[in-house]
Amino acid sequence: MLTSVNTNSLAINEGSLTSINSVQMMFALLQMELAKDHKDNAKSLIDNVKSNQDISKKHAEVIAQLNGLDKDVLAKFKFPNKVEELNAKLADSQTVIENYKEVIAKAKDGNQPSVGFGIYGKLYALNDDAYSKFRGIVKSAGKDNFADFMRGDDNKHFMYELEGGLKEIERYQHYCQVMRDALSIGLPGSFMDGAMDDKTLQRMVSSLQGLQEEYGTRNQTLMVQIQDMLGQYNANLQGANSAVQQSNNVLQSLSKAG
């Protein structure tokens, strides 16, 4: 076996060739590891972009819902300024809605006991839990939007009052849900502290639009970072391929020399 080769007056023995080959392979492995890191980082950034897009989409949905609210109705409501408290109101309103629907359905089927009679027919009552929760909602939200429920100021309701009361509590639930969603995506609770008039509504929309634009800006920055990561990933792959090729060339030289 040939133990030394003279190339351009540089003596290279078999041991040095093996060492060179080993270094090249180590460099290739290092480049592959760096490529993996850059690929993983790029995937993480892409996940962040998708998350920001989802949040931005939610902003758009809530903005559309806010713009769809009846300003005159909104002006009469009062809402808690914390997500947890709004969730509690939503749970209470759902209890009331379910009982309303049950009473109405049974009354129409003739299976709901009446609690009296009047000029408009039989009178019906909500169960004690639902009635108590609805009274609590009216007390905190304001009674101007609950005319049918409040008529007579007692728990005796004609069918038209039941149907009207159901619409009133469903409307309140929807408005609460919109406010809850607005707070949950970054709207300051201070918006709920004053009168919910048209100006306040427009400020709420503008605030959410500003937050939505921030997520758009973040994504632009992330896209630049992703492009950089992918560029480094490609460079690392090229470096690894080049090192492997050089290593193969050395092995071929050794083989021919042998």
C-alpha atoms as a PDB file:
ATOM      1  CA  MET A   1       0.000   0.000   0.000  1.00  0.00           C
ATOM      2  CA  LEU A   2       1.230   3.463  -0.844  1.00  0.00           C
ATOM      3  CA  THR A   3       2.023   5.325   2.375  1.00  0.00           C
ATOM      4  CA  SER A   4       2.772   8.785   1.023  1.00  0.00           C
ATOM      5  CA  VAL A   5       1.907  10.962  -1.939  1.00  0.00           C
ATOM      6  CA  ASN A   6       3.612  14.184  -2.950  1.00  0.00           C
ATOM      7  CA  THR A   7       1.217  16.802  -4.288  1.00  0.00           C
ATOM      8  CA  ASN A   8       2.561  20.260  -5.117  1.00  0.00           C
ATOM      9  CA  SER A   9       5.535  19.494  -2.919  1.00  0.00           C
ATOM     10  CA  LEU A  10       3.171  18.825   0.091  1.00  0.00           C
ATOM     11  CA  ALA A  11       3.698  15.443   1.729  1.00  0.00           C
ATOM     12  CA  ILE A  12       0.390  13.776   2.676  1.00  0.00           C
ATOM     13  CA  ASN A  13       0.476  10.353   4.277  1.00  0.00           C
ATOM     14  CA  GLU A  14      -2.378   7.907   4.808  1.00  0.00           C
ATOM     15  CA  GLY A  15      -2.905   9.007   8.386  1.00  0.00           C
ATOM     16  CA  SER A  16      -3.287  12.649   7.426  1.00  0.00           C
ATOM     17  CA  LEU A  17      -5.751  11.742   4.681  1.00  0.00           C
ATOM     18  CA  THR A  18      -7.839   9.780   7.176  1.00  0.00           C
ATOM     19  CA  SER A  19      -7.702  12.702   9.578  1.00  0.00           C
ATOM     20  CA  ILE A  20      -8.777  15.119   6.857  1.00  0.00           C
ATOM     21  CA  ASN A  21     -11.645  12.805   5.942  1.00  0.00           C
ATOM     22  CA  SER A  22     -12.722  12.593   9.592  1.00  0.00           C
ATOM     23  CA  VAL A  23     -12.699  16.376   9.974  1.00  0.00           C
ATOM     24  CA  GLN A  24     -14.773  16.794   6.827  1.00  0.00           C
ATOM     25  CA  MET A  25     -17.353  14.290   8.057  1.00  0.00           C
ATOM     26  CA  MET A  26     -17.498  16.019  11.446  1.00  0.00           C
ATOM     27  CA  PHE A  27     -18.037  19.313   9.654  1.00  0.00           C
ATOM     28  CA  ALA A  28     -20.815  17.714   7.591  1.00  0.00           C
ATOM     29  CA  LEU A  29     -22.502  16.393  10.733  1.00  0.00           C
ATOM     30  CA  LEU A  30     -22.206  19.824  12.355  1.00  0.00           C
ATOM     31  CA  GLN A  31     -23.808  21.434   9.313  1.00  0.00           C
ATOM     32  CA  MET A  32     -26.623  18.886   9.395  1.00  0.00           C
ATOM     33  CA  GLU A  33     -27.212  19.590  13.086  1.00  0.00           C
ATOM     34  CA  LEU A  34     -27.291  23.336  12.426  1.00  0.00           C
ATOM     35  CA  ALA A  35     -29.665  22.752   9.519  1.00  0.00           C
ATOM     36  CA  LYS A  36     -31.990  20.810  11.831  1.00  0.00           C
ATOM     37  CA  ASP A  37     -31.911  23.621  14.403  1.00  0.00           C
ATOM     38  CA  HIS A  38     -32.730  26.230  11.773  1.00  0.00           C
ATOM     39  CA  LYS A  39     -35.512  24.042  10.385  1.00  0.00           C
ATOM     40  CA  ASP A  40     -37.005  23.573  13.862  1.00  0.00           C
ATOM     41  CA  ASN A  41     -36.752  27.296  14.540  1.00  0.00           C
ATOM     42  CA  ALA A  42     -38.460  28.058  11.239  1.00  0.00           C
ATOM     43  CA  LYS A  43     -41.280  25.625  12.075  1.00  0.00           C
ATOM     44  CA  SER A  44     -41.715  27.283  15.481  1.00  0.00           C
ATOM     45  CA  LEU A  45     -41.892  30.714  13.856  1.00  0.00           C
ATOM     46  CA  ILE A  46     -44.413  29.411  11.319  1.00  0.00           C
ATOM     47  CA  ASP A  47     -46.546  28.120  14.221  1.00  0.00           C
ATOM     48  CA  ASN A  48     -46.372  31.605  15.743  1.00  0.00           C
ATOM     49  CA  VAL A  49     -47.529  33.109  12.452  1.00  0.00           C
ATOM     50  CA  LYS A  50     -50.490  30.724  12.333  1.00  0.00           C
ATOM     51  CA  SER A  51     -51.361  31.552  15.947  1.00  0.00           C
ATOM     52  CA  ASN A  52     -51.216  35.283  15.215  1.00  0.00           C
ATOM     53  CA  GLN A  53     -53.394  34.767  12.162  1.00  0.00           C
ATOM     54  CA  ASP A  54     -55.981  32.953  14.293  1.00  0.00           C
ATOM     55  CA  ILE A  55     -55.950  35.782  16.844  1.00  0.00           C
ATOM     56  CA  SER A  56     -56.234  38.377  14.087  1.00  0.00           C
ATOM     57  CA  LYS A  57     -59.183  36.461  12.644  1.00  0.00           C
ATOM     58  CA  LYS A  58     -60.830  36.478  16.081  1.00  0.00           C
ATOM     59  CA  HIS A  59     -60.310  40.240  16.258  1.00  0.00           C
ATOM     60  CA  ALA A  60     -62.061  40.607  12.904  1.00  0.00           C
ATOM     61  CA  GLU A  61     -64.985  38.455  14.085  1.00  0.00           C
ATOM     62  CA  VAL A  62     -65.452  40.415  17.316  1.00  0.00           C
ATOM     63  CA  ILE A  63     -65.162  43.743  15.486  1.00  0.00           C
ATOM     64  CA  ALA A  64     -67.903  42.590  13.104  1.00  0.00           C
ATOM     65  CA  GLN A  65     -70.065  41.528  16.057  1.00  0.00           C
ATOM     66  CA  LEU A  66     -69.566  44.869  17.805  1.00  0.00           C
ATOM     67  CA  ASN A  67     -70.524  46.728  14.655  1.00  0.00           C
ATOM     68  CA  GLY A  68     -73.638  44.564  14.408  1.00  0.00           C
ATOM     69  CA  LEU A  69     -74.969  45.468  17.857  1.00  0.00           C
ATOM     70  CA  ASP A  70     -77.992  47.742  18.159  1.00  0.00           C
ATOM     71  CA  LYS A  71     -76.558  50.976  19.550  1.00  0.00           C
ATOM     72  CA  ASP A  72     -79.819  51.970  21.228  1.00  0.00           C
ATOM     73  CA  VAL A  73     -80.070  48.624  22.991  1.00  0.00           C
ATOM     74  CA  LEU A  74     -76.387  48.653  23.932  1.00  0.00           C
ATOM     75  CA  ALA A  75     -76.721  52.098  25.507  1.00  0.00           C
ATOM     76  CA  LYS A  76     -79.228  50.704  28.029  1.00  0.00           C
ATOM     77  CA  PHE A  77     -77.090  47.777  29.158  1.00  0.00           C
ATOM     78  CA  LYS A  78     -74.441  47.649  31.851  1.00  0.00           C
ATOM     79  CA  PHE A  79     -71.772  44.950  31.804  1.00  0.00           C
ATOM     80  CA  PRO A  80     -69.128  43.631  34.218  1.00  0.00           C
ATOM     81  CA  ASN A  81     -65.589  44.681  33.291  1.00  0.00           C
ATOM     82  CA  LYS A  82     -63.939  41.292  33.845  1.00  0.00           C
ATOM     83  CA  VAL A  83     -64.034  38.140  31.709  1.00  0.00           C
ATOM     84  CA  GLU A  84     -64.738  35.924  34.735  1.00  0.00           C
ATOM     85  CA  GLU A  85     -67.741  38.015  35.763  1.00  0.00           C
ATOM     86  CA  LEU A  86     -69.101  38.026  32.228  1.00  0.00           C
ATOM     87  CA  ASN A  87     -68.726  34.250  32.103  1.00  0.00           C
ATOM     88  CA  ALA A  88     -70.794  34.047  35.286  1.00  0.00           C
ATOM     89  CA  LYS A  89     -73.514  36.210  33.700  1.00  0.00           C
ATOM     90  CA  LEU A  90     -73.456  34.018  30.604  1.00  0.00           C
ATOM     91  CA  ALA A  91     -73.901  30.912  32.759  1.00  0.00           C
ATOM     92  CA  ASP A  92     -76.791  32.514  34.655  1.00  0.00           C
ATOM     93  CA  SER A  93     -78.479  33.637  31.450  1.00  0.00           C
ATOM     94  CA  GLN A  94     -78.166  30.127  30.019  1.00  0.00           C
ATOM     95  CA  THR A  95     -79.937  28.728  33.102  1.00  0.00           C
ATOM     96  CA  VAL A  96     -82.739  31.250  32.594  1.00  0.00           C
ATOM     97  CA  ILE A  97     -83.012  30.525  28.852  1.00  0.00           C
ATOM     98  CA  GLU A  98     -83.264  26.777  29.403  1.00  0.00           C
ATOM     99  CA  ASN A  99     -86.043  27.219  31.963  1.00  0.00           C
ATOM    100  CA  TYR A 100     -87.895  29.693  29.746  1.00  0.00           C
ATOM    101  CA  LYS A 101     -87.858  27.224  26.870  1.00  0.00           C
ATOM    102  CA  GLU A 102     -89.013  24.415  29.121  1.00  0.00           C
ATOM    103  CA  VAL A 103     -91.919  26.433  30.561  1.00  0.00           C
ATOM    104  CA  ILE A 104     -93.003  27.682  27.118  1.00  0.00           C
ATOM    105  CA  ALA A 105     -92.887  24.199  25.592  1.00  0.00           C
ATOM    106  CA  LYS A 106     -94.838  22.615  28.459  1.00  0.00           C
ATOM    107  CA  ALA A 107     -97.368  25.473  28.468  1.00  0.00           C
ATOM    108  CA  LYS A 108     -98.041  25.016  24.759  1.00  0.00           C
ATOM    109  CA  ASP A 109     -98.470  21.261  25.306  1.00  0.00           C
ATOM    110  CA  GLY A 110    -100.763  21.860  28.263  1.00  0.00           C
ATOM    111  CA  ASN A 111     -98.337  20.286  30.725  1.00  0.00           C
ATOM    112  CA  GLN A 112     -97.173  23.400  32.591  1.00  0.00           C
ATOM    113  CA  PRO A 113     -99.127  24.201  35.766  1.00  0.00           C
ATOM    114  CA  SER A 114    -100.575  27.698  35.695  1.00  0.00           C
ATOM    115  CA  VAL A 115    -100.192  30.085  38.617  1.00  0.00           C
ATOM    116  CA  GLY A 116    -103.252  32.163  37.825  1.00  0.00           C
ATOM    117  CA  PHE A 117    -105.473  33.625  35.137  1.00  0.00           C
ATOM    118  CA  GLY A 118    -105.839  37.050  33.598  1.00  0.00           C
ATOM    119  CA  ILE A 119    -107.202  38.968  30.654  1.00  0.00           C
ATOM    120  CA  TYR A 120    -104.580  37.405  28.373  1.00  0.00           C
ATOM    121  CA  GLY A 121    -105.091  33.841  29.565  1.00  0.00           C
ATOM    122  CA  LYS A 122    -103.155  31.615  31.910  1.00  0.00           C
ATOM    123  CA  LEU A 123    -100.164  32.800  33.918  1.00  0.00           C
ATOM    124  CA  TYR A 124     -96.970  30.757  34.256  1.00  0.00           C
ATOM    125  CA  ALA A 125     -93.880  30.990  36.459  1.00  0.00           C
ATOM    126  CA  LEU A 126     -90.185  30.267  36.043  1.00  0.00           C
ATOM    127  CA  ASN A 127     -88.604  27.998  38.617  1.00  0.00           C
ATOM    128  CA  ASP A 128     -87.150  29.746  41.660  1.00  0.00           C
ATOM    129  CA  ASP A 129     -83.500  29.401  40.535  1.00  0.00           C
ATOM    130  CA  ALA A 130     -84.093  30.827  37.068  1.00  0.00           C
ATOM    131  CA  TYR A 131     -86.285  33.635  38.393  1.00  0.00           C
ATOM    132  CA  SER A 132     -83.685  34.593  41.006  1.00  0.00           C
ATOM    133  CA  LYS A 133     -80.873  34.600  38.429  1.00  0.00           C
ATOM    134  CA  PHE A 134     -82.919  36.720  36.021  1.00  0.00           C
ATOM    135  CA  ARG A 135     -83.690  39.209  38.775  1.00  0.00           C
ATOM    136  CA  GLY A 136     -79.962  39.422  39.493  1.00  0.00           C
ATOM    137  CA  ILE A 137     -79.212  40.039  35.819  1.00  0.00           C
ATOM    138  CA  VAL A 138     -81.825  42.793  35.594  1.00  0.00           C
ATOM    139  CA  LYS A 139     -80.448  44.433  38.723  1.00  0.00           C
ATOM    140  CA  SER A 140     -76.872  44.551  37.399  1.00  0.00           C
ATOM    141  CA  ALA A 141     -77.597  45.128  33.701  1.00  0.00           C
ATOM    142  CA  GLY A 142     -80.421  47.653  34.004  1.00  0.00           C
ATOM    143  CA  LYS A 143     -84.136  46.961  33.512  1.00  0.00           C
ATOM    144  CA  ASP A 144     -84.814  49.053  30.387  1.00  0.00           C
ATOM    145  CA  ASN A 145     -84.219  46.101  28.049  1.00  0.00           C
ATOM    146  CA  PHE A 146     -86.370  43.647  30.013  1.00  0.00           C
ATOM    147  CA  ALA A 147     -89.876  45.091  29.599  1.00  0.00           C
ATOM    148  CA  ASP A 148     -91.680  41.749  29.238  1.00  0.00           C
ATOM    149  CA  PHE A 149     -89.891  40.120  32.126  1.00  0.00           C
ATOM    150  CA  MET A 150     -90.416  43.147  34.380  1.00  0.00           C
ATOM    151  CA  ARG A 151     -94.104  43.626  33.533  1.00  0.00           C
ATOM    152  CA  GLY A 152     -96.000  43.220  36.786  1.00  0.00           C
ATOM    153  CA  ASP A 153     -92.656  42.914  38.638  1.00  0.00           C
ATOM    154  CA  ASP A 154     -93.466  39.384  39.746  1.00  0.00           C
ATOM    155  CA  ASN A 155     -93.009  35.779  38.661  1.00  0.00           C
ATOM    156  CA  LYS A 156     -96.351  35.484  36.916  1.00  0.00           C
ATOM    157  CA  HIS A 157     -96.190  35.660  33.135  1.00  0.00           C
ATOM    158  CA  PHE A 158     -98.635  35.403  30.260  1.00  0.00           C
ATOM    159  CA  MET A 159     -97.460  33.443  27.248  1.00  0.00           C
ATOM    160  CA  TYR A 160     -96.598  36.598  25.292  1.00  0.00           C
ATOM    161  CA  GLU A 161     -94.528  37.767  28.274  1.00  0.00           C
ATOM    162  CA  LEU A 162     -92.754  34.431  28.402  1.00  0.00           C
ATOM    163  CA  GLU A 163     -91.886  34.601  24.700  1.00  0.00           C
ATOM    164  CA  GLY A 164     -90.848  38.240  25.013  1.00  0.00           C
ATOM    165  CA  GLY A 165     -88.810  37.542  28.136  1.00  0.00           C
ATOM    166  CA  LEU A 166     -86.992  34.715  26.364  1.00  0.00           C
ATOM    167  CA  LYS A 167     -85.980  37.076  23.559  1.00  0.00           C
ATOM    168  CA  GLU A 168     -84.821  39.635  26.111  1.00  0.00           C
ATOM    169  CA  ILE A 169     -82.545  37.251  27.966  1.00  0.00           C
ATOM    170  CA  GLU A 170     -81.217  35.742  24.726  1.00  0.00           C
ATOM    171  CA  ARG A 171     -80.360  39.232  23.504  1.00  0.00           C
ATOM    172  CA  TYR A 172     -78.609  40.019  26.773  1.00  0.00           C
ATOM    173  CA  GLN A 173     -76.659  36.769  26.546  1.00  0.00           C
ATOM    174  CA  HIS A 174     -75.500  37.625  23.027  1.00  0.00           C
ATOM    175  CA  TYR A 175     -74.356  41.092  24.060  1.00  0.00           C
ATOM    176  CA  CYS A 176     -72.516  39.624  27.073  1.00  0.00           C
ATOM    177  CA  GLN A 177     -70.828  37.073  24.831  1.00  0.00           C
ATOM    178  CA  VAL A 178     -69.574  39.806  22.488  1.00  0.00           C
ATOM    179  CA  MET A 179     -68.256  41.859  25.407  1.00  0.00           C
ATOM    180  CA  ARG A 180     -66.612  38.774  26.944  1.00  0.00           C
ATOM    181  CA  ASP A 181     -64.902  37.940  23.659  1.00  0.00           C
ATOM    182  CA  ALA A 182     -63.758  41.548  23.247  1.00  0.00           C
ATOM    183  CA  LEU A 183     -62.159  41.560  26.700  1.00  0.00           C
ATOM    184  CA  SER A 184     -60.599  38.126  26.193  1.00  0.00           C
ATOM    185  CA  ILE A 185     -58.634  39.318  23.141  1.00  0.00           C
ATOM    186  CA  GLY A 186     -57.227  42.409  24.776  1.00  0.00           C
ATOM    187  CA  LEU A 187     -59.892  45.108  25.039  1.00  0.00           C
ATOM    188  CA  PRO A 188     -59.367  47.028  28.325  1.00  0.00           C
ATOM    189  CA  GLY A 189     -62.102  46.480  30.896  1.00  0.00           C
ATOM    190  CA  SER A 190     -62.310  50.238  31.454  1.00  0.00           C
ATOM    191  CA  PHE A 191     -64.525  50.453  28.366  1.00  0.00           C
ATOM    192  CA  MET A 192     -67.286  48.773  30.385  1.00  0.00           C
ATOM    193  CA  ASP A 193     -67.186  51.303  33.212  1.00  0.00           C
ATOM    194  CA  GLY A 194     -68.997  54.180  31.496  1.00  0.00           C
ATOM    195  CA  ALA A 195     -72.009  54.631  29.282  1.00  0.00           C
ATOM    196  CA  MET A 196     -72.108  52.144  26.419  1.00  0.00           C
ATOM    197  CA  ASP A 197     -73.001  54.765  23.845  1.00  0.00           C
ATOM    198  CA  ASP A 198     -72.091  55.068  20.170  1.00  0.00           C
ATOM    199  CA  LYS A 199     -68.813  56.869  20.901  1.00  0.00           C
ATOM    200  CA  THR A 200     -67.758  54.179  23.341  1.00  0.00           C
ATOM    201  CA  LEU A 201     -68.603  51.489  20.792  1.00  0.00           C
ATOM    202  CA  GLN A 202     -66.488  53.200  18.142  1.00  0.00           C
ATOM    203  CA  ARG A 203     -63.565  53.509  20.563  1.00  0.00           C
ATOM    204  CA  MET A 204     -63.886  49.805  21.345  1.00  0.00           C
ATOM    205  CA  VAL A 205     -63.780  48.962  17.644  1.00  0.00           C
ATOM    206  CA  SER A 206     -60.799  51.265  17.064  1.00  0.00           C
ATOM    207  CA  SER A 207     -58.931  49.705  19.988  1.00  0.00           C
ATOM    208  CA  LEU A 208     -59.437  46.190  18.644  1.00  0.00           C
ATOM    209  CA  GLN A 209     -58.451  47.297  15.145  1.00  0.00           C
ATOM    210  CA  GLY A 210     -55.216  48.648  16.607  1.00  0.00           C
ATOM    211  CA  LEU A 211     -54.541  45.319  18.320  1.00  0.00           C
ATOM    212  CA  GLN A 212     -55.319  43.496  15.083  1.00  0.00           C
ATOM    213  CA  GLU A 213     -52.783  45.651  13.212  1.00  0.00           C
ATOM    214  CA  GLU A 214     -50.151  44.820  15.844  1.00  0.00           C
ATOM    215  CA  TYR A 215     -50.532  41.112  15.098  1.00  0.00           C
ATOM    216  CA  GLY A 216     -50.181  41.881  11.395  1.00  0.00           C
ATOM    217  CA  THR A 217     -46.942  43.743  12.101  1.00  0.00           C
ATOM    218  CA  ARG A 218     -45.671  40.871  14.230  1.00  0.00           C
ATOM    219  CA  ASN A 219     -46.313  38.454  11.391  1.00  0.00           C
ATOM    220  CA  GLN A 220     -44.391  40.625   8.950  1.00  0.00           C
ATOM    221  CA  THR A 221     -41.395  40.514  11.298  1.00  0.00           C
ATOM    222  CA  LEU A 222     -41.783  36.771  11.747  1.00  0.00           C
ATOM    223  CA  MET A 223     -41.892  36.218   7.986  1.00  0.00           C
ATOM    224  CA  VAL A 224     -38.552  37.984   7.624  1.00  0.00           C
ATOM    225  CA  GLN A 225     -37.106  35.785  10.384  1.00  0.00           C
ATOM    226  CA  ILE A 226     -38.504  32.676   8.711  1.00  0.00           C
ATOM    227  CA  GLN A 227     -36.876  33.602   5.413  1.00  0.00           C
ATOM    228  CA  ASP A 228     -33.574  34.097   7.244  1.00  0.00           C
ATOM    229  CA  MET A 229     -33.891  30.726   8.997  1.00  0.00           C
ATOM    230  CA  LEU A 230     -34.686  28.955   5.733  1.00  0.00           C
ATOM    231  CA  GLY A 231     -31.720  30.676   4.078  1.00  0.00           C
ATOM    232  CA  GLN A 232     -29.407  29.446   6.822  1.00  0.00           C
ATOM    233  CA  TYR A 233     -30.997  26.006   6.604  1.00  0.00           C
ATOM    234  CA  ASN A 234     -30.248  25.807   2.890  1.00  0.00           C
ATOM    235  CA  ALA A 235     -26.697  27.093   3.445  1.00  0.00           C
ATOM    236  CA  ASN A 236     -26.086  24.425   6.095  1.00  0.00           C
ATOM    237  CA  LEU A 237     -27.367  21.690   3.773  1.00  0.00           C
ATOM    238  CA  GLN A 238     -25.091  22.925   0.994  1.00  0.00           C
ATOM    239  CA  GLY A 239     -22.158  23.002   3.432  1.00  0.00           C
ATOM    240  CA  ALA A 240     -22.898  19.450   4.562  1.00  0.00           C
ATOM    241  CA  ASN A 241     -23.223  18.187   0.993  1.00  0.00           C
ATOM    242  CA  SER A 242     -19.981  19.887   0.046  1.00  0.00           C
ATOM    243  CA  ALA A 243     -18.123  18.369   2.998  1.00  0.00           C
ATOM    244  CA  VAL A 244     -19.494  14.909   2.207  1.00  0.00           C
ATOM    245  CA  GLN A 245     -18.429  15.300  -1.416  1.00  0.00           C
ATOM    246  CA  GLN A 246     -14.927  16.332  -0.378  1.00  0.00           C
ATOM    247  CA  SER A 247     -14.784  13.391   2.010  1.00  0.00           C
ATOM    248  CA  ASN A 248     -15.802  11.054  -0.821  1.00  0.00           C
ATOM    249  CA  ASN A 249     -13.099  12.545  -3.015  1.00  0.00           C
ATOM    250  CA  VAL A 250     -10.512  11.842  -0.319  1.00  0.00           C
ATOM    251  CA  LEU A 251     -11.745   8.255   0.039  1.00  0.00           C
ATOM    252  CA  GLN A 252     -11.583   7.782  -3.720  1.00  0.00           C
ATOM    253  CA  SER A 253      -8.005   9.109  -3.695  1.00  0.00           C
ATOM    254  CA  LEU A 254      -7.080   6.672  -0.946  1.00  0.00           C
ATOM    255  CA  SER A 255      -8.718   3.844  -2.836  1.00  0.00           C
ATOM    256  CA  LYS A 256      -6.840   4.635  -6.036  1.00  0.00           C
ATOM    257  CA  ALA A 257      -3.619   5.048  -4.125  1.00  0.00           C
ATOM    258  CA  GLY A 258      -4.107   1.625  -2.547  1.00  0.00           C
END
